[in-house]
Amino acid sequence: MVYVGSGDSRLLAYDATTGALDWTATTGSAVLSSPAVANGVVYVGSEDGSMYAYAPTSTTPVCPTNVYVGLSPCQLQDAYKLPSQTAGAGRTVAIVDAYDDPNAEADLAVYRAHYGLPPCTTANGCFKKLNSSGNTSPLPANNVGWSQEISLDLDVVSAACPLCHITLVEADNNGNSLYVSQATAAAQHPTAISNSWGSNEFANENLDDSLFSFPGIPVTVSTGDNGYGVSYPAAASTVTAVGGTVLQPDASARHWSEAAWSGSGSGCSAIDPKPAWQTDSGCARRTNADVSALGGPPGVSVYDTNGEPGWINEWGTSLASPLVASVYALAYPDYTQATTYTHTSSLFDITSGSTGSCGGSYLCNAVAGFDGPTGLGTPCGIGAFGSGPGAATCPPVAAAAASPAASRLIAETTPSMHLTPACAPVPAGQSRCFAEKATPLVSIDVTEVSPLHTSHHH
């Protein structure tokens, strides 16, 4: 480690091998002296007249139990080893959804305040909401189902990259306007663009691939929530297709176990050609997915008051897409689509779970190495998503399973849930979002988990 004092009252610790910022500490005034290290303790003087001593206590953050159903920002950051507390400042994640959520900014403020995340508002320049033409008005019609999607997207970006700015582009409808809105989002110069929607594949869909291509800006797309099968635009050769996993706490070194989620879309495109950076031999065309992240149980806690009571539990590959887009923002710069395929040591390889029946093929079964449901794997740090420092060598991941170390919150609620699509299937030419609201099937005694909160059962 290399320790450096700063005039802005901070002590900074850098990894001497990678150059990555490992941690920071704040003193009462400027740090103008050179730090000294003895017996594993870092000592430094500050202009506030004090001497500070820093010693390692734990290599893993301890996340408090989430009082609402689903994972908290701290738990997501821990599961994927993200440098969310120090990276992402000055970068923007753009989200493209359909219709308007009139409560989006207000709900986002409640979510971020609850979890101690910095405010992200129009007033402080962090949050921006635009129509498909790139203007702040007029906004499209209100839609309660798509508002759930919007709340999920905004909250997940906030959880994974709390220092990032967020631009929400609301398409006029869930048809062609979603395609047009890609260029609108790109014109805002974001670090990454997230899409959590899709439709069935269609003839000549590959002619639309260019609508999702913006050099230097990764575009993530959910692979869908209907299990084995490919959707568009996840099939586009110009996007990062993101599948879903299930994630549970356990007693392993990672503290989490992960497997492919049965609802995640996967397979071989019937239309789109194979991109040069995919080399799997069981599909002559485009294979979904490229990478994956949490999409199934236990989902995340989301705050939404547009047709909802507030705190709800959301699942779906709609969760995975903005999460991976946020990791791209943390990892910036110098993105190319081939980057992830050459940095597999910075991914958790998911080797269990299935999305359906495909004759035992890797196209619907998670296996060692690349597979359809989870692609190359899930983020382990940020090294697989950019050319900057942050590479990591990740241990094998066990299948998700019950564990004595599992949180009571997760263990008690997951078996009793079913999913209700926020955006139901739609006719040809329209797209549905891939957000799913988890609803309890049986009564659960929540007093053991959170005696002060009961609304999270919705």
Foldseek 3Di string as FASTA:
>chain_A
DAWDWAQAQKIWDADPPFRDTDDMDGDPGGFPDHWDDDPQWIWTDHPVGDIDIDHDDDPADDDDFDLFFFDFLSVQCLLQVAPQVPFQAPAEEEEEFAFDAPCLQVLLQVNCVVRVFDRAHVVVVQEEEEELVLHNDDGAHDDQLRLVLSQLLSNLLCSRHSNHGYYYYYFNAQFCSSLSSLVSRVVVVHQEYFYQKWAADDPPCQVSLVSNADPFYAYEYFQFQQFEHGTPPQQHPRHAYEFAWEKWAADDPSRIFIAFDQRGYWAEDPHAADDPLDDDDPHRGGTAHAAYYHAAPPAHWTAGDRPAPTTFGKGFSSNTRSNVSSLLSRADDDFDPNQLVVQLQQFAQHAADFNDDDPPAQRTGRHGAAGTRGGSHHGNYNRSNYPGGTRHGDDHGHHDDDYPPTDPSRVQQRVQWDWDNSFDDDDPRGMTGTMTTIAGNDDDPSCVSHVVDDSSND
